């Protein structure tokens, strides 16, 4: 699997969001991912939208936990080691 971080914008402030990222996974660009500081460490949140009832849902998601872990690790690495 080929994963590349195309854009990383770090967020300064008191919220839990640490950065926004656009990533490339096997030729598919996913824009608007968020790197979030959670209770157990950082995790990658996929882009989402609100429905008519005001509830959020993911526009896209990664169904394989191994693949999701690899992508998350790549984004966290890019966050910790900016080029």
PDB file of N, CA and C in Angstrom:
ATOM      1  N   UNK A   1       0.846  -1.185   0.000  1.00  0.00           N
ATOM      2  CA  UNK A   1       0.000   0.000   0.000  1.00  0.00           C
ATOM      3  C   UNK A   1       0.884   1.239   0.000  1.00  0.00           C
ATOM      4  N   UNK A   2       0.550   2.172  -0.849  1.00  0.00           N
ATOM      5  CA  UNK A   2       1.309   3.419  -0.939  1.00  0.00           C
ATOM      6  C   UNK A   2       0.492   4.518  -0.275  1.00  0.00           C
ATOM      7  N   UNK A   3       1.071   5.126   0.772  1.00  0.00           N
ATOM      8  CA  UNK A   3       0.416   6.228   1.469  1.00  0.00           C
ATOM      9  C   UNK A   3       1.366   7.411   1.502  1.00  0.00           C
ATOM     10  N   UNK A   4       0.860   8.571   1.159  1.00  0.00           N
ATOM     11  CA  UNK A   4       1.664   9.782   1.169  1.00  0.00           C
ATOM     12  C   UNK A   4       0.829  10.921   1.759  1.00  0.00           C
ATOM     13  N   UNK A   5       1.451  11.721   2.611  1.00  0.00           N
ATOM     14  CA  UNK A   5       0.777  12.900   3.150  1.00  0.00           C
ATOM     15  C   UNK A   5       1.050  14.046   2.193  1.00  0.00           C
ATOM     16  N   UNK A   6      -0.009  14.557   1.567  1.00  0.00           N
ATOM     17  CA  UNK A   6       0.142  15.624   0.576  1.00  0.00           C
ATOM     18  C   UNK A   6       0.189  17.003   1.221  1.00  0.00           C
ATOM     19  N   UNK A   7      -0.585  17.190   2.293  1.00  0.00           N
ATOM     20  CA  UNK A   7      -0.657  18.486   2.958  1.00  0.00           C
ATOM     21  C   UNK A   7      -0.875  18.241   4.438  1.00  0.00           C
ATOM     22  N   UNK A   8      -0.192  19.036   5.267  1.00  0.00           N
ATOM     23  CA  UNK A   8      -0.344  18.940   6.724  1.00  0.00           C
ATOM     24  C   UNK A   8      -0.380  20.356   7.265  1.00  0.00           C
ATOM     25  N   UNK A   9      -1.500  20.739   7.865  1.00  0.00           N
ATOM     26  CA  UNK A   9      -1.628  22.043   8.504  1.00  0.00           C
ATOM     27  C   UNK A   9      -1.821  21.829   9.996  1.00  0.00           C
ATOM     28  N   UNK A  10      -0.810  22.180  10.778  1.00  0.00           N
ATOM     29  CA  UNK A  10      -0.910  22.038  12.227  1.00  0.00           C
ATOM     30  C   UNK A  10      -1.842  23.101  12.789  1.00  0.00           C
ATOM     31  N   UNK A  11      -2.547  22.743  13.864  1.00  0.00           N
ATOM     32  CA  UNK A  11      -3.511  23.630  14.499  1.00  0.00           C
ATOM     33  C   UNK A  11      -2.990  23.982  15.883  1.00  0.00           C
ATOM     34  N   UNK A  12      -2.918  25.268  16.161  1.00  0.00           N
ATOM     35  CA  UNK A  12      -2.524  25.736  17.482  1.00  0.00           C
ATOM     36  C   UNK A  12      -3.793  26.101  18.248  1.00  0.00           C
ATOM     37  N   UNK A  13      -3.854  25.751  19.514  1.00  0.00           N
ATOM     38  CA  UNK A  13      -5.022  26.117  20.299  1.00  0.00           C
ATOM     39  C   UNK A  13      -5.304  25.105  21.385  1.00  0.00           C
ATOM     40  N   UNK A  14      -6.434  25.275  22.014  1.00  0.00           N
ATOM     41  CA  UNK A  14      -6.778  24.449  23.163  1.00  0.00           C
ATOM     42  C   UNK A  14      -7.618  23.228  22.809  1.00  0.00           C
ATOM     43  N   UNK A  15      -8.079  23.119  21.579  1.00  0.00           N
ATOM     44  CA  UNK A  15      -8.908  21.983  21.183  1.00  0.00           C
ATOM     45  C   UNK A  15      -8.094  20.709  21.036  1.00  0.00           C
ATOM     46  N   UNK A  16      -8.780  19.616  20.727  1.00  0.00           N
ATOM     47  CA  UNK A  16      -8.120  18.319  20.584  1.00  0.00           C
ATOM     48  C   UNK A  16      -7.561  18.077  19.187  1.00  0.00           C
ATOM     49  N   UNK A  17      -7.991  18.857  18.196  1.00  0.00           N
ATOM     50  CA  UNK A  17      -7.476  18.709  16.847  1.00  0.00           C
ATOM     51  C   UNK A  17      -6.053  19.257  16.788  1.00  0.00           C
ATOM     52  N   UNK A  18      -5.128  18.430  16.316  1.00  0.00           N
ATOM     53  CA  UNK A  18      -3.719  18.821  16.225  1.00  0.00           C
ATOM     54  C   UNK A  18      -3.325  19.241  14.812  1.00  0.00           C
ATOM     55  N   UNK A  19      -4.004  18.683  13.787  1.00  0.00           N
ATOM     56  CA  UNK A  19      -3.649  19.023  12.406  1.00  0.00           C
ATOM     57  C   UNK A  19      -4.751  18.566  11.460  1.00  0.00           C
ATOM     58  N   UNK A  20      -4.772  19.194  10.294  1.00  0.00           N
ATOM     59  CA  UNK A  20      -5.604  18.752   9.179  1.00  0.00           C
ATOM     60  C   UNK A  20      -4.656  18.229   8.110  1.00  0.00           C
ATOM     61  N   UNK A  21      -5.062  17.164   7.427  1.00  0.00           N
ATOM     62  CA  UNK A  21      -4.176  16.568   6.435  1.00  0.00           C
ATOM     63  C   UNK A  21      -4.963  16.092   5.218  1.00  0.00           C
ATOM     64  N   UNK A  22      -4.310  16.159   4.066  1.00  0.00           N
ATOM     65  CA  UNK A  22      -4.795  15.520   2.851  1.00  0.00           C
ATOM     66  C   UNK A  22      -3.829  14.377   2.586  1.00  0.00           C
ATOM     67  N   UNK A  23      -4.365  13.189   2.307  1.00  0.00           N
ATOM     68  CA  UNK A  23      -3.504  12.023   2.117  1.00  0.00           C
ATOM     69  C   UNK A  23      -3.802  11.354   0.780  1.00  0.00           C
ATOM     70  N   UNK A  24      -2.804  10.646   0.272  1.00  0.00           N
ATOM     71  CA  UNK A  24      -2.915   9.882  -0.962  1.00  0.00           C
ATOM     72  C   UNK A  24      -2.739   8.413  -0.602  1.00  0.00           C
ATOM     73  N   UNK A  25      -3.752   7.599  -0.885  1.00  0.00           N
ATOM     74  CA  UNK A  25      -3.700   6.169  -0.588  1.00  0.00           C
ATOM     75  C   UNK A  25      -4.001   5.402  -1.869  1.00  0.00           C
ATOM     76  N   UNK A  26      -3.004   4.722  -2.400  1.00  0.00           N
ATOM     77  CA  UNK A  26      -3.165   3.929  -3.628  1.00  0.00           C
ATOM     78  C   UNK A  26      -3.864   4.692  -4.745  1.00  0.00           C
ATOM     79  N   UNK A  27      -3.461   5.930  -4.955  1.00  0.00           N
ATOM     80  CA  UNK A  27      -3.995   6.740  -6.041  1.00  0.00           C
ATOM     81  C   UNK A  27      -5.270   7.493  -5.715  1.00  0.00           C
ATOM     82  N   UNK A  28      -5.804   7.330  -4.508  1.00  0.00           N
ATOM     83  CA  UNK A  28      -7.024   8.028  -4.093  1.00  0.00           C
ATOM     84  C   UNK A  28      -6.646   9.115  -3.099  1.00  0.00           C
ATOM     85  N   UNK A  29      -7.051  10.357  -3.375  1.00  0.00           N
ATOM     86  CA  UNK A  29      -6.778  11.473  -2.480  1.00  0.00           C
ATOM     87  C   UNK A  29      -7.956  11.631  -1.519  1.00  0.00           C
ATOM     88  N   UNK A  30      -7.646  11.691  -0.226  1.00  0.00           N
ATOM     89  CA  UNK A  30      -8.657  11.930   0.804  1.00  0.00           C
ATOM     90  C   UNK A  30      -8.312  13.271   1.434  1.00  0.00           C
ATOM     91  N   UNK A  31      -9.195  14.249   1.253  1.00  0.00           N
ATOM     92  CA  UNK A  31      -8.948  15.605   1.744  1.00  0.00           C
ATOM     93  C   UNK A  31      -9.727  15.845   3.033  1.00  0.00           C
ATOM     94  N   UNK A  32      -9.112  16.575   3.958  1.00  0.00           N
ATOM     95  CA  UNK A  32      -9.813  17.005   5.158  1.00  0.00           C
ATOM     96  C   UNK A  32      -9.776  16.033   6.317  1.00  0.00           C
ATOM     97  N   UNK A  33      -8.768  15.164   6.378  1.00  0.00           N
ATOM     98  CA  UNK A  33      -8.614  14.285   7.540  1.00  0.00           C
ATOM     99  C   UNK A  33      -8.137  15.129   8.719  1.00  0.00           C
ATOM    100  N   UNK A  34      -8.515  14.720   9.933  1.00  0.00           N
ATOM    101  CA  UNK A  34      -8.069  15.442  11.128  1.00  0.00           C
ATOM    102  C   UNK A  34      -7.244  14.514  11.990  1.00  0.00           C
ATOM    103  N   UNK A  35      -6.130  15.022  12.500  1.00  0.00           N
ATOM    104  CA  UNK A  35      -5.323  14.305  13.481  1.00  0.00           C
ATOM    105  C   UNK A  35      -5.755  14.825  14.847  1.00  0.00           C
ATOM    106  N   UNK A  36      -6.285  13.933  15.685  1.00  0.00           N
ATOM    107  CA  UNK A  36      -6.922  14.319  16.942  1.00  0.00           C
ATOM    108  C   UNK A  36      -6.188  13.667  18.110  1.00  0.00           C
ATOM    109  N   UNK A  37      -6.018  14.449  19.193  1.00  0.00           N
ATOM    110  CA  UNK A  37      -5.416  13.928  20.426  1.00  0.00           C
ATOM    111  C   UNK A  37      -6.539  13.341  21.274  1.00  0.00           C
ATOM    112  N   UNK A  38      -6.523  12.006  21.408  1.00  0.00           N
ATOM    113  CA  UNK A  38      -7.538  11.317  22.197  1.00  0.00           C
ATOM    114  C   UNK A  38      -6.986  10.852  23.531  1.00  0.00           C
ATOM    115  N   UNK A  39      -7.801  10.156  24.281  1.00  0.00           N
ATOM    116  CA  UNK A  39      -7.402   9.645  25.593  1.00  0.00           C
ATOM    117  C   UNK A  39      -6.239   8.668  25.475  1.00  0.00           C
ATOM    118  N   UNK A  40      -6.257   7.830  24.443  1.00  0.00           N
ATOM    119  CA  UNK A  40      -5.214   6.809  24.264  1.00  0.00           C
ATOM    120  C   UNK A  40      -4.119   7.237  23.300  1.00  0.00           C
ATOM    121  N   UNK A  41      -4.071   8.501  22.938  1.00  0.00           N
ATOM    122  CA  UNK A  41      -3.073   8.991  21.992  1.00  0.00           C
ATOM    123  C   UNK A  41      -3.736   9.570  20.757  1.00  0.00           C
ATOM    124  N   UNK A  42      -2.936   9.847  19.738  1.00  0.00           N
ATOM    125  CA  UNK A  42      -3.453  10.468  18.527  1.00  0.00           C
ATOM    126  C   UNK A  42      -4.142   9.438  17.636  1.00  0.00           C
ATOM    127  N   UNK A  43      -5.195   9.912  16.946  1.00  0.00           N
ATOM    128  CA  UNK A  43      -5.867   9.062  15.963  1.00  0.00           C
ATOM    129  C   UNK A  43      -6.272   9.923  14.778  1.00  0.00           C
ATOM    130  N   UNK A  44      -6.526   9.258  13.662  1.00  0.00           N
ATOM    131  CA  UNK A  44      -6.885   9.943  12.429  1.00  0.00           C
ATOM    132  C   UNK A  44      -8.392   9.872  12.239  1.00  0.00           C
ATOM    133  N   UNK A  45      -9.014  11.029  12.092  1.00  0.00           N
ATOM    134  CA  UNK A  45     -10.453  11.123  11.868  1.00  0.00           C
ATOM    135  C   UNK A  45     -10.690  11.433  10.397  1.00  0.00           C
ATOM    136  N   UNK A  46     -11.550  10.650   9.775  1.00  0.00           N
ATOM    137  CA  UNK A  46     -11.851  10.853   8.359  1.00  0.00           C
ATOM    138  C   UNK A  46     -12.789  12.047   8.182  1.00  0.00           C
ATOM    139  N   UNK A  47     -12.808  12.636   6.985  1.00  0.00           N
ATOM    140  CA  UNK A  47     -13.690  13.775   6.744  1.00  0.00           C
ATOM    141  C   UNK A  47     -15.156  13.371   6.911  1.00  0.00           C
ATOM    142  N   UNK A  48     -15.964  14.315   7.387  1.00  0.00           N
ATOM    143  CA  UNK A  48     -17.367  14.007   7.622  1.00  0.00           C
ATOM    144  C   UNK A  48     -18.288  15.145   7.240  1.00  0.00           C
ATOM    145  N   UNK A  49     -19.574  14.851   7.271  1.00  0.00           N
ATOM    146  CA  UNK A  49     -20.620  15.839   6.989  1.00  0.00           C
ATOM    147  C   UNK A  49     -21.739  15.668   7.997  1.00  0.00           C
ATOM    148  N   UNK A  50     -22.500  16.735   8.174  1.00  0.00           N
ATOM    149  CA  UNK A  50     -23.696  16.678   9.022  1.00  0.00           C
ATOM    150  C   UNK A  50     -24.903  16.334   8.161  1.00  0.00           C
ATOM    151  N   UNK A  51     -25.768  15.467   8.702  1.00  0.00           N
ATOM    152  CA  UNK A  51     -27.007  15.196   7.983  1.00  0.00           C
ATOM    153  C   UNK A  51     -28.095  16.170   8.423  1.00  0.00           C
ATOM    154  N   UNK A  52     -29.301  15.997   7.941  1.00  0.00           N
ATOM    155  CA  UNK A  52     -30.388  16.929   8.247  1.00  0.00           C
ATOM    156  C   UNK A  52     -30.753  16.949   9.720  1.00  0.00           C
ATOM    157  N   UNK A  53     -30.495  15.847  10.422  1.00  0.00           N
ATOM    158  CA  UNK A  53     -30.795  15.769  11.860  1.00  0.00           C
ATOM    159  C   UNK A  53     -29.669  16.347  12.716  1.00  0.00           C
ATOM    160  N   UNK A  54     -28.582  16.787  12.082  1.00  0.00           N
ATOM    161  CA  UNK A  54     -27.469  17.375  12.816  1.00  0.00           C
ATOM    162  C   UNK A  54     -26.436  16.377  13.308  1.00  0.00           C
ATOM    163  N   UNK A  55     -26.556  15.117  12.887  1.00  0.00           N
ATOM    164  CA  UNK A  55     -25.586  14.094  13.294  1.00  0.00           C
ATOM    165  C   UNK A  55     -24.472  14.013  12.247  1.00  0.00           C
ATOM    166  N   UNK A  56     -23.247  13.772  12.736  1.00  0.00           N
ATOM    167  CA  UNK A  56     -22.085  13.678  11.853  1.00  0.00           C
ATOM    168  C   UNK A  56     -21.920  12.242  11.361  1.00  0.00           C
ATOM    169  N   UNK A  57     -21.469  12.088  10.117  1.00  0.00           N
ATOM    170  CA  UNK A  57     -21.126  10.785   9.574  1.00  0.00           C
ATOM    171  C   UNK A  57     -19.894  10.927   8.691  1.00  0.00           C
ATOM    172  N   UNK A  58     -19.091   9.858   8.614  1.00  0.00           N
ATOM    173  CA  UNK A  58     -17.886   9.876   7.790  1.00  0.00           C
ATOM    174  C   UNK A  58     -18.266   9.814   6.314  1.00  0.00           C
ATOM    175  N   UNK A  59     -17.581  10.624   5.517  1.00  0.00           N
ATOM    176  CA  UNK A  59     -17.775  10.585   4.073  1.00  0.00           C
ATOM    177  C   UNK A  59     -17.113   9.324   3.512  1.00  0.00           C
ATOM    178  N   UNK A  60     -15.959   9.017   4.033  1.00  0.00           N
ATOM    179  CA  UNK A  60     -15.263   7.785   3.670  1.00  0.00           C
ATOM    180  C   UNK A  60     -14.670   7.202   4.949  1.00  0.00           C
ATOM    181  N   UNK A  61     -14.408   5.927   4.938  1.00  0.00           N
ATOM    182  CA  UNK A  61     -13.813   5.294   6.108  1.00  0.00           C
ATOM    183  C   UNK A  61     -12.964   4.116   5.666  1.00  0.00           C
ATOM    184  N   UNK A  62     -12.077   3.700   6.547  1.00  0.00           N
ATOM    185  CA  UNK A  62     -11.174   2.574   6.273  1.00  0.00           C
ATOM    186  C   UNK A  62     -11.701   1.388   7.056  1.00  0.00           C
ATOM    187  N   UNK A  63     -12.076   0.349   6.346  1.00  0.00           N
ATOM    188  CA  UNK A  63     -12.724  -0.804   6.946  1.00  0.00           C
ATOM    189  C   UNK A  63     -11.730  -1.807   7.535  1.00  0.00           C
ATOM    190  N   UNK A  64     -10.472  -1.765   7.126  1.00  0.00           N
ATOM    191  CA  UNK A  64      -9.450  -2.709   7.573  1.00  0.00           C
ATOM    192  C   UNK A  64      -8.605  -2.057   8.661  1.00  0.00           C
ATOM    193  N   UNK A  65      -8.587  -2.652   9.859  1.00  0.00           N
ATOM    194  CA  UNK A  65      -7.860  -2.064  10.992  1.00  0.00           C
ATOM    195  C   UNK A  65      -6.359  -1.986  10.754  1.00  0.00           C
ATOM    196  N   UNK A  66      -5.788  -2.957  10.046  1.00  0.00           N
ATOM    197  CA  UNK A  66      -4.347  -2.947   9.769  1.00  0.00           C
ATOM    198  C   UNK A  66      -4.012  -1.784   8.837  1.00  0.00           C
ATOM    199  N   UNK A  67      -4.793  -1.622   7.797  1.00  0.00           N
ATOM    200  CA  UNK A  67      -4.582  -0.530   6.844  1.00  0.00           C
ATOM    201  C   UNK A  67      -4.780   0.816   7.542  1.00  0.00           C
ATOM    202  N   UNK A  68      -5.820   0.921   8.356  1.00  0.00           N
ATOM    203  CA  UNK A  68      -6.080   2.162   9.088  1.00  0.00           C
ATOM    204  C   UNK A  68      -4.912   2.500  10.006  1.00  0.00           C
ATOM    205  N   UNK A  69      -4.341   1.503  10.674  1.00  0.00           N
ATOM    206  CA  UNK A  69      -3.180   1.719  11.538  1.00  0.00           C
ATOM    207  C   UNK A  69      -1.969   2.203  10.767  1.00  0.00           C
ATOM    208  N   UNK A  70      -1.730   1.614   9.596  1.00  0.00           N
ATOM    209  CA  UNK A  70      -0.591   2.030   8.772  1.00  0.00           C
ATOM    210  C   UNK A  70      -0.746   3.478   8.307  1.00  0.00           C
ATOM    211  N   UNK A  71      -1.942   3.835   7.867  1.00  0.00           N
ATOM    212  CA  UNK A  71      -2.192   5.201   7.402  1.00  0.00           C
ATOM    213  C   UNK A  71      -2.057   6.186   8.565  1.00  0.00           C
ATOM    214  N   UNK A  72      -2.642   5.845   9.708  1.00  0.00           N
ATOM    215  CA  UNK A  72      -2.551   6.706  10.885  1.00  0.00           C
ATOM    216  C   UNK A  72      -1.101   6.915  11.296  1.00  0.00           C
ATOM    217  N   UNK A  73      -0.309   5.848  11.323  1.00  0.00           N
ATOM    218  CA  UNK A  73       1.107   5.960  11.687  1.00  0.00           C
ATOM    219  C   UNK A  73       1.864   6.852  10.717  1.00  0.00           C
ATOM    220  N   UNK A  74       1.540   6.759   9.440  1.00  0.00           N
ATOM    221  CA  UNK A  74       2.207   7.597   8.432  1.00  0.00           C
ATOM    222  C   UNK A  74       1.882   9.078   8.661  1.00  0.00           C
ATOM    223  N   UNK A  75       0.627   9.392   8.990  1.00  0.00           N
ATOM    224  CA  UNK A  75       0.226  10.780   9.220  1.00  0.00           C
ATOM    225  C   UNK A  75       0.861  11.308  10.509  1.00  0.00           C
ATOM    226  N   UNK A  76       0.891  10.492  11.561  1.00  0.00           N
ATOM    227  CA  UNK A  76       1.513  10.906  12.814  1.00  0.00           C
ATOM    228  C   UNK A  76       3.015  11.134  12.613  1.00  0.00           C
ATOM    229  N   UNK A  77       3.647  10.293  11.817  1.00  0.00           N
ATOM    230  CA  UNK A  77       5.066  10.472  11.504  1.00  0.00           C
ATOM    231  C   UNK A  77       5.298  11.796  10.781  1.00  0.00           C
ATOM    232  N   UNK A  78       4.439  12.122   9.821  1.00  0.00           N
ATOM    233  CA  UNK A  78       4.565  13.396   9.099  1.00  0.00           C
ATOM    234  C   UNK A  78       4.326  14.575  10.033  1.00  0.00           C
ATOM    235  N   UNK A  79       3.436  14.414  11.001  1.00  0.00           N
ATOM    236  CA  UNK A  79       3.153  15.471  11.968  1.00  0.00           C
ATOM    237  C   UNK A  79       4.368  15.709  12.879  1.00  0.00           C
ATOM    238  N   UNK A  80       4.991  14.622  13.334  1.00  0.00           N
ATOM    239  CA  UNK A  80       6.130  14.734  14.249  1.00  0.00           C
ATOM    240  C   UNK A  80       7.445  15.099  13.561  1.00  0.00           C
ATOM    241  N   UNK A  81       7.555  14.817  12.265  1.00  0.00           N
ATOM    242  CA  UNK A  81       8.791  15.070  11.522  1.00  0.00           C
ATOM    243  C   UNK A  81       8.497  15.852  10.249  1.00  0.00           C
ATOM    244  N   UNK A  82       8.165  17.139  10.379  1.00  0.00           N
ATOM    245  CA  UNK A  82       7.842  17.921   9.167  1.00  0.00           C
ATOM    246  C   UNK A  82       9.057  18.035   8.254  1.00  0.00           C
ATOM    247  N   UNK A  83       8.767  18.013   6.963  1.00  0.00           N
ATOM    248  CA  UNK A  83       9.856  18.073   5.956  1.00  0.00           C
ATOM    249  C   UNK A  83      10.396  19.460   5.799  1.00  0.00           C
TER     250      UNK A  83
END
